[in-house]
Each structure stands twice: as C-alpha cells, then as structure tokens.
Amino acid sequence: MMKVNTIPGASYALTCTAACTIHALLSDASSLVILETENPGQYFFIAPTDTIEVSDEHALVTQTFKAAAPGLSARGGIRPGVNADLKNPTVEKAV
C-alpha cells in the first residue's frame, strides 16, 4: 500500500499498472473506498480527504486542474499532431 497526501476537493488522475483500489483515510482511522478497478489504466477521482491509500505501489497519482464531468473524459495536454516541444525556457529538456 502507498499513502499519498492530497488536497480535499481537488481532482486527481491515477495511472495504475495493475488492478488497484484507492481508499480515503478518514480522521477516525477508518477508510472509505473511492475507486476500485480491475484493469490497469488512467482514472480520475476527487479526493475527499487529505490522505489516500493506493493498493498499487507502482501507481502514479497526479493532481489535475481540468476535471471531467461524470461520464465524460477530461481532454488536455498534447494532442496527436501537435508540436510537443518544450515551451518553458526555465526547464531543461530531457535528452
């Protein structure tokens, strides 16, 4: 299990490598299942508490700033055919 600090009410993307479950850790030491998946992939959720626990230790949890409405997918980032060059001159480009 992996614990991740979150901001309550913020949206997050979970990229998991295997089947996984996310629990929100509550103040009374109990937990609440907020996401459960049988397949690897990327999933979006809203953090209800300041700490979550993810069953896949290789998962990546990233705060997102463009949440999807229920039943729709969030679309953002680099789209096919778009120039993906680094636009921020203060960050080094990985070679």
PDB file of N, CA and C in Angstrom:
ATOM      1  N   MET A   1       0.841  -1.195   0.000  1.00  0.00           N
ATOM      2  CA  MET A   1       0.000   0.000   0.000  1.00  0.00           C
ATOM      3  C   MET A   1       0.878   1.248   0.000  1.00  0.00           C
ATOM      4  N   MET A   2       0.420   2.263  -0.719  1.00  0.00           N
ATOM      5  CA  MET A   2       1.143   3.519  -0.818  1.00  0.00           C
ATOM      6  C   MET A   2       0.222   4.641  -0.344  1.00  0.00           C
ATOM      7  N   LYS A   3       0.693   5.480   0.583  1.00  0.00           N
ATOM      8  CA  LYS A   3      -0.078   6.632   1.051  1.00  0.00           C
ATOM      9  C   LYS A   3       0.339   7.860   0.258  1.00  0.00           C
ATOM     10  N   VAL A   4      -0.658   8.677  -0.100  1.00  0.00           N
ATOM     11  CA  VAL A   4      -0.421   9.888  -0.874  1.00  0.00           C
ATOM     12  C   VAL A   4      -1.175  11.030  -0.209  1.00  0.00           C
ATOM     13  N   ASN A   5      -0.491  12.152   0.033  1.00  0.00           N
ATOM     14  CA  ASN A   5      -1.145  13.343   0.565  1.00  0.00           C
ATOM     15  C   ASN A   5      -1.904  14.019  -0.563  1.00  0.00           C
ATOM     16  N   THR A   6      -3.128  14.444  -0.285  1.00  0.00           N
ATOM     17  CA  THR A   6      -3.972  15.084  -1.289  1.00  0.00           C
ATOM     18  C   THR A   6      -4.603  16.341  -0.708  1.00  0.00           C
ATOM     19  N   ILE A   7      -5.241  17.107  -1.571  1.00  0.00           N
ATOM     20  CA  ILE A   7      -5.992  18.289  -1.164  1.00  0.00           C
ATOM     21  C   ILE A   7      -7.469  17.942  -1.277  1.00  0.00           C
ATOM     22  N   PRO A   8      -8.211  17.975  -0.160  1.00  0.00           N
ATOM     23  CA  PRO A   8      -9.638  17.634  -0.228  1.00  0.00           C
ATOM     24  C   PRO A   8     -10.373  18.503  -1.251  1.00  0.00           C
ATOM     25  N   GLY A   9     -11.140  17.863  -2.121  1.00  0.00           N
ATOM     26  CA  GLY A   9     -11.897  18.562  -3.155  1.00  0.00           C
ATOM     27  C   GLY A   9     -11.155  18.738  -4.461  1.00  0.00           C
ATOM     28  N   ALA A  10      -9.857  18.449  -4.493  1.00  0.00           N
ATOM     29  CA  ALA A  10      -9.078  18.582  -5.727  1.00  0.00           C
ATOM     30  C   ALA A  10      -9.232  17.316  -6.566  1.00  0.00           C
ATOM     31  N   SER A  11      -9.075  17.464  -7.878  1.00  0.00           N
ATOM     32  CA  SER A  11      -9.182  16.306  -8.768  1.00  0.00           C
ATOM     33  C   SER A  11      -7.798  15.720  -9.024  1.00  0.00           C
ATOM     34  N   TYR A  12      -7.759  14.399  -9.183  1.00  0.00           N
ATOM     35  CA  TYR A  12      -6.506  13.682  -9.380  1.00  0.00           C
ATOM     36  C   TYR A  12      -6.668  12.647 -10.481  1.00  0.00           C
ATOM     37  N   ALA A  13      -5.557  12.342 -11.139  1.00  0.00           N
ATOM     38  CA  ALA A  13      -5.502  11.258 -12.112  1.00  0.00           C
ATOM     39  C   ALA A  13      -4.679  10.146 -11.495  1.00  0.00           C
ATOM     40  N   LEU A  14      -5.181   8.944 -11.567  1.00  0.00           N
ATOM     41  CA  LEU A  14      -4.468   7.760 -11.110  1.00  0.00           C
ATOM     42  C   LEU A  14      -4.072   6.972 -12.345  1.00  0.00           C
ATOM     43  N   THR A  15      -2.788   6.706 -12.491  1.00  0.00           N
ATOM     44  CA  THR A  15      -2.309   5.841 -13.560  1.00  0.00           C
ATOM     45  C   THR A  15      -1.779   4.600 -12.879  1.00  0.00           C
ATOM     46  N   CYS A  16      -2.495   3.476 -13.053  1.00  0.00           N
ATOM     47  CA  CYS A  16      -2.105   2.250 -12.359  1.00  0.00           C
ATOM     48  C   CYS A  16      -1.594   1.209 -13.347  1.00  0.00           C
ATOM     49  N   THR A  17      -0.698   0.370 -12.865  1.00  0.00           N
ATOM     50  CA  THR A  17      -0.072  -0.660 -13.690  1.00  0.00           C
ATOM     51  C   THR A  17      -0.746  -2.013 -13.544  1.00  0.00           C
ATOM     52  N   ALA A  18      -1.663  -2.106 -12.601  1.00  0.00           N
ATOM     53  CA  ALA A  18      -2.383  -3.356 -12.331  1.00  0.00           C
ATOM     54  C   ALA A  18      -3.725  -2.996 -11.713  1.00  0.00           C
ATOM     55  N   ALA A  19      -4.520  -3.995 -11.413  1.00  0.00           N
ATOM     56  CA  ALA A  19      -5.772  -3.756 -10.705  1.00  0.00           C
ATOM     57  C   ALA A  19      -5.446  -3.048  -9.397  1.00  0.00           C
ATOM     58  N   CYS A  20      -6.247  -2.051  -9.028  1.00  0.00           N
ATOM     59  CA  CYS A  20      -5.947  -1.351  -7.784  1.00  0.00           C
ATOM     60  C   CYS A  20      -7.193  -0.743  -7.161  1.00  0.00           C
ATOM     61  N   THR A  21      -7.032  -0.363  -5.899  1.00  0.00           N
ATOM     62  CA  THR A  21      -8.098   0.240  -5.115  1.00  0.00           C
ATOM     63  C   THR A  21      -7.538   1.476  -4.427  1.00  0.00           C
ATOM     64  N   ILE A  22      -8.357   2.532  -4.359  1.00  0.00           N
ATOM     65  CA  ILE A  22      -7.985   3.732  -3.617  1.00  0.00           C
ATOM     66  C   ILE A  22      -8.930   3.862  -2.434  1.00  0.00           C
ATOM     67  N   HIS A  23      -8.347   4.036  -1.268  1.00  0.00           N
ATOM     68  CA  HIS A  23      -9.111   4.292  -0.050  1.00  0.00           C
ATOM     69  C   HIS A  23      -8.813   5.709   0.423  1.00  0.00           C
ATOM     70  N   ALA A  24      -9.841   6.434   0.836  1.00  0.00           N
ATOM     71  CA  ALA A  24      -9.646   7.722   1.503  1.00  0.00           C
ATOM     72  C   ALA A  24      -9.492   7.406   2.986  1.00  0.00           C
ATOM     73  N   LEU A  25      -8.434   7.919   3.599  1.00  0.00           N
ATOM     74  CA  LEU A  25      -8.219   7.688   5.028  1.00  0.00           C
ATOM     75  C   LEU A  25      -8.961   8.764   5.806  1.00  0.00           C
ATOM     76  N   LEU A  26      -9.871   8.335   6.678  1.00  0.00           N
ATOM     77  CA  LEU A  26     -10.715   9.249   7.440  1.00  0.00           C
ATOM     78  C   LEU A  26     -10.080   9.579   8.787  1.00  0.00           C
ATOM     79  N   SER A  27     -10.531  10.655   9.411  1.00  0.00           N
ATOM     80  CA  SER A  27      -9.946  11.127  10.667  1.00  0.00           C
ATOM     81  C   SER A  27     -10.134  10.153  11.825  1.00  0.00           C
ATOM     82  N   ASP A  28     -11.133   9.281  11.754  1.00  0.00           N
ATOM     83  CA  ASP A  28     -11.348   8.314  12.842  1.00  0.00           C
ATOM     84  C   ASP A  28     -10.589   7.001  12.608  1.00  0.00           C
ATOM     85  N   ALA A  29      -9.594   7.030  11.737  1.00  0.00           N
ATOM     86  CA  ALA A  29      -8.726   5.884  11.415  1.00  0.00           C
ATOM     87  C   ALA A  29      -9.416   4.822  10.555  1.00  0.00           C
ATOM     88  N   SER A  30     -10.629   5.084  10.097  1.00  0.00           N
ATOM     89  CA  SER A  30     -11.285   4.157   9.175  1.00  0.00           C
ATOM     90  C   SER A  30     -10.975   4.604   7.747  1.00  0.00           C
ATOM     91  N   SER A  31     -11.460   3.847   6.774  1.00  0.00           N
ATOM     92  CA  SER A  31     -11.218   4.218   5.380  1.00  0.00           C
ATOM     93  C   SER A  31     -12.482   4.026   4.559  1.00  0.00           C
ATOM     94  N   LEU A  32     -12.498   4.683   3.404  1.00  0.00           N
ATOM     95  CA  LEU A  32     -13.638   4.653   2.500  1.00  0.00           C
ATOM     96  C   LEU A  32     -13.112   4.376   1.101  1.00  0.00           C
ATOM     97  N   VAL A  33     -13.644   3.349   0.434  1.00  0.00           N
ATOM     98  CA  VAL A  33     -13.222   3.048  -0.938  1.00  0.00           C
ATOM     99  C   VAL A  33     -13.775   4.130  -1.855  1.00  0.00           C
ATOM    100  N   ILE A  34     -12.862   4.791  -2.603  1.00  0.00           N
ATOM    101  CA  ILE A  34     -13.326   5.821  -3.547  1.00  0.00           C
ATOM    102  C   ILE A  34     -13.130   5.410  -5.000  1.00  0.00           C
ATOM    103  N   LEU A  35     -12.279   4.407  -5.247  1.00  0.00           N
ATOM    104  CA  LEU A  35     -12.090   3.920  -6.613  1.00  0.00           C
ATOM    105  C   LEU A  35     -11.573   2.494  -6.543  1.00  0.00           C
ATOM    106  N   GLU A  36     -12.132   1.645  -7.386  1.00  0.00           N
ATOM    107  CA  GLU A  36     -11.689   0.251  -7.461  1.00  0.00           C
ATOM    108  C   GLU A  36     -11.723  -0.155  -8.925  1.00  0.00           C
ATOM    109  N   THR A  37     -10.602  -0.665  -9.419  1.00  0.00           N
ATOM    110  CA  THR A  37     -10.540  -1.055 -10.819  1.00  0.00           C
ATOM    111  C   THR A  37      -9.858  -2.411 -10.967  1.00  0.00           C
ATOM    112  N   GLU A  38     -10.305  -3.175 -11.931  1.00  0.00           N
ATOM    113  CA  GLU A  38      -9.715  -4.479 -12.210  1.00  0.00           C
ATOM    114  C   GLU A  38      -8.678  -4.405 -13.331  1.00  0.00           C
ATOM    115  N   ASN A  39      -8.592  -3.263 -14.006  1.00  0.00           N
ATOM    116  CA  ASN A  39      -7.706  -3.126 -15.162  1.00  0.00           C
ATOM    117  C   ASN A  39      -6.708  -1.998 -14.975  1.00  0.00           C
ATOM    118  N   PRO A  40      -5.491  -2.159 -15.503  1.00  0.00           N
ATOM    119  CA  PRO A  40      -4.549  -1.038 -15.493  1.00  0.00           C
ATOM    120  C   PRO A  40      -5.063   0.062 -16.402  1.00  0.00           C
ATOM    121  N   GLY A  41      -4.642   1.285 -16.160  1.00  0.00           N
ATOM    122  CA  GLY A  41      -5.065   2.403 -16.994  1.00  0.00           C
ATOM    123  C   GLY A  41      -5.053   3.688 -16.212  1.00  0.00           C
ATOM    124  N   GLN A  42      -5.719   4.712 -16.746  1.00  0.00           N
ATOM    125  CA  GLN A  42      -5.784   6.007 -16.089  1.00  0.00           C
ATOM    126  C   GLN A  42      -7.222   6.305 -15.702  1.00  0.00           C
ATOM    127  N   TYR A  43      -7.398   6.743 -14.463  1.00  0.00           N
ATOM    128  CA  TYR A  43      -8.710   7.016 -13.895  1.00  0.00           C
ATOM    129  C   TYR A  43      -8.667   8.346 -13.162  1.00  0.00           C
ATOM    130  N   PHE A  44      -9.782   9.044 -13.110  1.00  0.00           N
ATOM    131  CA  PHE A  44      -9.867  10.338 -12.444  1.00  0.00           C
ATOM    132  C   PHE A  44     -10.763  10.227 -11.228  1.00  0.00           C
ATOM    133  N   PHE A  45     -10.416  10.982 -10.176  1.00  0.00           N
ATOM    134  CA  PHE A  45     -11.231  10.992  -8.962  1.00  0.00           C
ATOM    135  C   PHE A  45     -11.053  12.318  -8.240  1.00  0.00           C
ATOM    136  N   ILE A  46     -11.980  12.612  -7.344  1.00  0.00           N
ATOM    137  CA  ILE A  46     -11.912  13.793  -6.487  1.00  0.00           C
ATOM    138  C   ILE A  46     -11.523  13.303  -5.096  1.00  0.00           C
ATOM    139  N   ALA A  47     -10.497  13.901  -4.519  1.00  0.00           N
ATOM    140  CA  ALA A  47     -10.026  13.492  -3.199  1.00  0.00           C
ATOM    141  C   ALA A  47     -10.966  14.039  -2.118  1.00  0.00           C
ATOM    142  N   PRO A  48     -11.562  13.162  -1.306  1.00  0.00           N
ATOM    143  CA  PRO A  48     -12.462  13.635  -0.252  1.00  0.00           C
ATOM    144  C   PRO A  48     -11.734  13.980   1.050  1.00  0.00           C
ATOM    145  N   THR A  49     -10.483  13.533   1.192  1.00  0.00           N
ATOM    146  CA  THR A  49      -9.720  13.758   2.417  1.00  0.00           C
ATOM    147  C   THR A  49      -8.305  14.203   2.069  1.00  0.00           C
ATOM    148  N   ASP A  50      -7.486  14.436   3.080  1.00  0.00           N
ATOM    149  CA  ASP A  50      -6.120  14.890   2.819  1.00  0.00           C
ATOM    150  C   ASP A  50      -5.109  13.761   2.656  1.00  0.00           C
ATOM    151  N   THR A  51      -5.547  12.509   2.787  1.00  0.00           N
ATOM    152  CA  THR A  51      -4.662  11.363   2.560  1.00  0.00           C
ATOM    153  C   THR A  51      -5.450  10.225   1.916  1.00  0.00           C
ATOM    154  N   ILE A  52      -4.842   9.618   0.892  1.00  0.00           N
ATOM    155  CA  ILE A  52      -5.434   8.425   0.290  1.00  0.00           C
ATOM    156  C   ILE A  52      -4.415   7.295   0.367  1.00  0.00           C
ATOM    157  N   GLU A  53      -4.904   6.091   0.190  1.00  0.00           N
ATOM    158  CA  GLU A  53      -4.041   4.914   0.168  1.00  0.00           C
ATOM    159  C   GLU A  53      -4.328   4.159  -1.120  1.00  0.00           C
ATOM    160  N   VAL A  54      -3.275   3.860  -1.882  1.00  0.00           N
ATOM    161  CA  VAL A  54      -3.404   3.193  -3.178  1.00  0.00           C
ATOM    162  C   VAL A  54      -2.791   1.803  -3.068  1.00  0.00           C
ATOM    163  N   SER A  55      -3.506   0.785  -3.530  1.00  0.00           N
ATOM    164  CA  SER A  55      -3.016  -0.595  -3.399  1.00  0.00           C
ATOM    165  C   SER A  55      -1.871  -0.912  -4.358  1.00  0.00           C
ATOM    166  N   ASP A  56      -1.783  -0.231  -5.501  1.00  0.00           N
ATOM    167  CA  ASP A  56      -0.717  -0.454  -6.478  1.00  0.00           C
ATOM    168  C   ASP A  56       0.460   0.454  -6.142  1.00  0.00           C
ATOM    169  N   GLU A  57       1.545  -0.104  -5.628  1.00  0.00           N
ATOM    170  CA  GLU A  57       2.691   0.705  -5.211  1.00  0.00           C
ATOM    171  C   GLU A  57       3.441   1.325  -6.380  1.00  0.00           C
ATOM    172  N   HIS A  58       3.143   0.901  -7.606  1.00  0.00           N
ATOM    173  CA  HIS A  58       3.789   1.451  -8.790  1.00  0.00           C
ATOM    174  C   HIS A  58       2.902   2.478  -9.492  1.00  0.00           C
ATOM    175  N   ALA A  59       1.768   2.785  -8.893  1.00  0.00           N
ATOM    176  CA  ALA A  59       0.832   3.739  -9.498  1.00  0.00           C
ATOM    177  C   ALA A  59       1.370   5.158  -9.392  1.00  0.00           C
ATOM    178  N   LEU A  60       0.872   6.009 -10.259  1.00  0.00           N
ATOM    179  CA  LEU A  60       1.218   7.420 -10.255  1.00  0.00           C
ATOM    180  C   LEU A  60      -0.065   8.203  -9.984  1.00  0.00           C
ATOM    181  N   VAL A  61      -0.030   9.057  -8.960  1.00  0.00           N
ATOM    182  CA  VAL A  61      -1.182   9.897  -8.621  1.00  0.00           C
ATOM    183  C   VAL A  61      -0.766  11.341  -8.873  1.00  0.00           C
ATOM    184  N   THR A  62      -1.488  12.013  -9.765  1.00  0.00           N
ATOM    185  CA  THR A  62      -1.134  13.363 -10.181  1.00  0.00           C
ATOM    186  C   THR A  62      -2.341  14.282 -10.044  1.00  0.00           C
ATOM    187  N   GLN A  63      -2.145  15.445  -9.419  1.00  0.00           N
ATOM    188  CA  GLN A  63      -3.239  16.403  -9.325  1.00  0.00           C
ATOM    189  C   GLN A  63      -3.532  16.946 -10.715  1.00  0.00           C
ATOM    190  N   THR A  64      -4.808  17.042 -11.048  1.00  0.00           N
ATOM    191  CA  THR A  64      -5.218  17.593 -12.339  1.00  0.00           C
ATOM    192  C   THR A  64      -5.929  18.907 -12.104  1.00  0.00           C
ATOM    193  N   PHE A  65      -5.937  19.743 -13.107  1.00  0.00           N
ATOM    194  CA  PHE A  65      -6.569  21.040 -12.961  1.00  0.00           C
ATOM    195  C   PHE A  65      -7.725  21.210 -13.930  1.00  0.00           C
ATOM    196  N   LYS A  66      -8.078  20.128 -14.625  1.00  0.00           N
ATOM    197  CA  LYS A  66      -9.203  20.145 -15.540  1.00  0.00           C
ATOM    198  C   LYS A  66      -9.974  18.852 -15.295  1.00  0.00           C
ATOM    199  N   ALA A  67     -10.921  18.908 -14.397  1.00  0.00           N
ATOM    200  CA  ALA A  67     -11.683  17.708 -14.042  1.00  0.00           C
ATOM    201  C   ALA A  67     -12.734  17.417 -15.105  1.00  0.00           C
ATOM    202  N   ALA A  68     -13.027  16.163 -15.270  1.00  0.00           N
ATOM    203  CA  ALA A  68     -14.059  15.746 -16.215  1.00  0.00           C
ATOM    204  C   ALA A  68     -15.394  15.665 -15.493  1.00  0.00           C
ATOM    205  N   ALA A  69     -16.444  15.993 -16.191  1.00  0.00           N
ATOM    206  CA  ALA A  69     -17.778  15.801 -15.657  1.00  0.00           C
ATOM    207  C   ALA A  69     -18.042  14.302 -15.617  1.00  0.00           C
ATOM    208  N   PRO A  70     -18.849  13.823 -14.674  1.00  0.00           N
ATOM    209  CA  PRO A  70     -19.133  12.388 -14.612  1.00  0.00           C
ATOM    210  C   PRO A  70     -19.610  11.847 -15.964  1.00  0.00           C
ATOM    211  N   GLY A  71     -19.014  10.762 -16.418  1.00  0.00           N
ATOM    212  CA  GLY A  71     -19.394  10.135 -17.672  1.00  0.00           C
ATOM    213  C   GLY A  71     -18.629  10.658 -18.882  1.00  0.00           C
ATOM    214  N   LEU A  72     -17.825  11.706 -18.697  1.00  0.00           N
ATOM    215  CA  LEU A  72     -17.042  12.258 -19.798  1.00  0.00           C
ATOM    216  C   LEU A  72     -15.565  12.134 -19.460  1.00  0.00           C
ATOM    217  N   SER A  73     -14.714  12.220 -20.466  1.00  0.00           N
ATOM    218  CA  SER A  73     -13.278  12.167 -20.202  1.00  0.00           C
ATOM    219  C   SER A  73     -12.703  13.576 -20.251  1.00  0.00           C
ATOM    220  N   ALA A  74     -11.702  13.814 -19.435  1.00  0.00           N
ATOM    221  CA  ALA A  74     -11.013  15.109 -19.471  1.00  0.00           C
ATOM    222  C   ALA A  74     -10.046  15.075 -20.641  1.00  0.00           C
ATOM    223  N   ARG A  75     -10.004  16.109 -21.388  1.00  0.00           N
ATOM    224  CA  ARG A  75      -9.101  16.152 -22.527  1.00  0.00           C
ATOM    225  C   ARG A  75      -8.178  17.342 -22.371  1.00  0.00           C
ATOM    226  N   GLY A  76      -6.923  17.079 -22.443  1.00  0.00           N
ATOM    227  CA  GLY A  76      -5.960  18.156 -22.282  1.00  0.00           C
ATOM    228  C   GLY A  76      -4.597  17.645 -22.652  1.00  0.00           C
ATOM    229  N   GLY A  77      -3.589  18.448 -22.407  1.00  0.00           N
ATOM    230  CA  GLY A  77      -2.235  18.019 -22.711  1.00  0.00           C
ATOM    231  C   GLY A  77      -1.947  18.108 -24.192  1.00  0.00           C
ATOM    232  N   ILE A  78      -1.087  17.246 -24.664  1.00  0.00           N
ATOM    233  CA  ILE A  78      -0.638  17.268 -26.051  1.00  0.00           C
ATOM    234  C   ILE A  78      -1.524  16.346 -26.882  1.00  0.00           C
ATOM    235  N   ARG A  79      -2.060  16.854 -27.945  1.00  0.00           N
ATOM    236  CA  ARG A  79      -2.916  16.064 -28.822  1.00  0.00           C
ATOM    237  C   ARG A  79      -2.104  15.564 -30.011  1.00  0.00           C
ATOM    238  N   PRO A  80      -2.524  14.491 -30.665  1.00  0.00           N
ATOM    239  CA  PRO A  80      -1.797  13.996 -31.840  1.00  0.00           C
ATOM    240  C   PRO A  80      -1.655  15.094 -32.884  1.00  0.00           C
ATOM    241  N   GLY A  81      -0.459  15.191 -33.449  1.00  0.00           N
ATOM    242  CA  GLY A  81      -0.213  16.179 -34.484  1.00  0.00           C
ATOM    243  C   GLY A  81       0.196  17.542 -33.959  1.00  0.00           C
ATOM    244  N   VAL A  82       0.217  17.714 -32.629  1.00  0.00           N
ATOM    245  CA  VAL A  82       0.602  18.997 -32.048  1.00  0.00           C
ATOM    246  C   VAL A  82       2.081  18.968 -31.721  1.00  0.00           C
ATOM    247  N   ASN A  83       2.773  20.044 -31.989  1.00  0.00           N
ATOM    248  CA  ASN A  83       4.199  20.146 -31.686  1.00  0.00           C
ATOM    249  C   ASN A  83       4.392  20.017 -30.172  1.00  0.00           C
ATOM    250  N   ALA A  84       5.191  19.052 -29.749  1.00  0.00           N
ATOM    251  CA  ALA A  84       5.373  18.772 -28.334  1.00  0.00           C
ATOM    252  C   ALA A  84       6.663  19.363 -27.783  1.00  0.00           C
ATOM    253  N   ASP A  85       7.245  20.362 -28.461  1.00  0.00           N
ATOM    254  CA  ASP A  85       8.474  20.982 -27.967  1.00  0.00           C
ATOM    255  C   ASP A  85       8.216  21.669 -26.637  1.00  0.00           C
ATOM    256  N   LEU A  86       9.223  21.687 -25.797  1.00  0.00           N
ATOM    257  CA  LEU A  86       9.144  22.337 -24.501  1.00  0.00           C
ATOM    258  C   LEU A  86       9.015  23.843 -24.705  1.00  0.00           C
ATOM    259  N   LYS A  87       8.027  24.454 -24.090  1.00  0.00           N
ATOM    260  CA  LYS A  87       7.776  25.877 -24.276  1.00  0.00           C
ATOM    261  C   LYS A  87       8.251  26.713 -23.097  1.00  0.00           C
ATOM    262  N   ASN A  88       8.666  26.093 -21.974  1.00  0.00           N
ATOM    263  CA  ASN A  88       9.111  26.829 -20.807  1.00  0.00           C
ATOM    264  C   ASN A  88      10.630  26.923 -20.823  1.00  0.00           C
ATOM    265  N   PRO A  89      11.214  28.104 -21.032  1.00  0.00           N
ATOM    266  CA  PRO A  89      12.672  28.226 -21.138  1.00  0.00           C
ATOM    267  C   PRO A  89      13.413  28.006 -19.822  1.00  0.00           C
ATOM    268  N   THR A  90      12.689  27.964 -18.686  1.00  0.00           N
ATOM    269  CA  THR A  90      13.364  27.782 -17.393  1.00  0.00           C
ATOM    270  C   THR A  90      13.526  26.309 -17.027  1.00  0.00           C
ATOM    271  N   VAL A  91      12.983  25.416 -17.839  1.00  0.00           N
ATOM    272  CA  VAL A  91      13.067  23.981 -17.570  1.00  0.00           C
ATOM    273  C   VAL A  91      13.938  23.334 -18.625  1.00  0.00           C
ATOM    274  N   GLU A  92      14.833  22.441 -18.191  1.00  0.00           N
ATOM    275  CA  GLU A  92      15.693  21.756 -19.154  1.00  0.00           C
ATOM    276  C   GLU A  92      14.944  20.630 -19.824  1.00  0.00           C
ATOM    277  N   LYS A  93      15.197  20.458 -21.088  1.00  0.00           N
ATOM    278  CA  LYS A  93      14.586  19.377 -21.856  1.00  0.00           C
ATOM    279  C   LYS A  93      15.424  18.115 -21.675  1.00  0.00           C
ATOM    280  N   ALA A  94      14.772  16.996 -21.350  1.00  0.00           N
ATOM    281  CA  ALA A  94      15.485  15.722 -21.203  1.00  0.00           C
ATOM    282  C   ALA A  94      15.938  15.236 -22.566  1.00  0.00           C
ATOM    283  N   VAL A  95      17.151  14.733 -22.636  1.00  0.00           N
ATOM    284  CA  VAL A  95      17.689  14.262 -23.925  1.00  0.00           C
ATOM    285  C   VAL A  95      17.666  12.751 -23.969  1.00  0.00           C
TER     286      VAL A  95
END
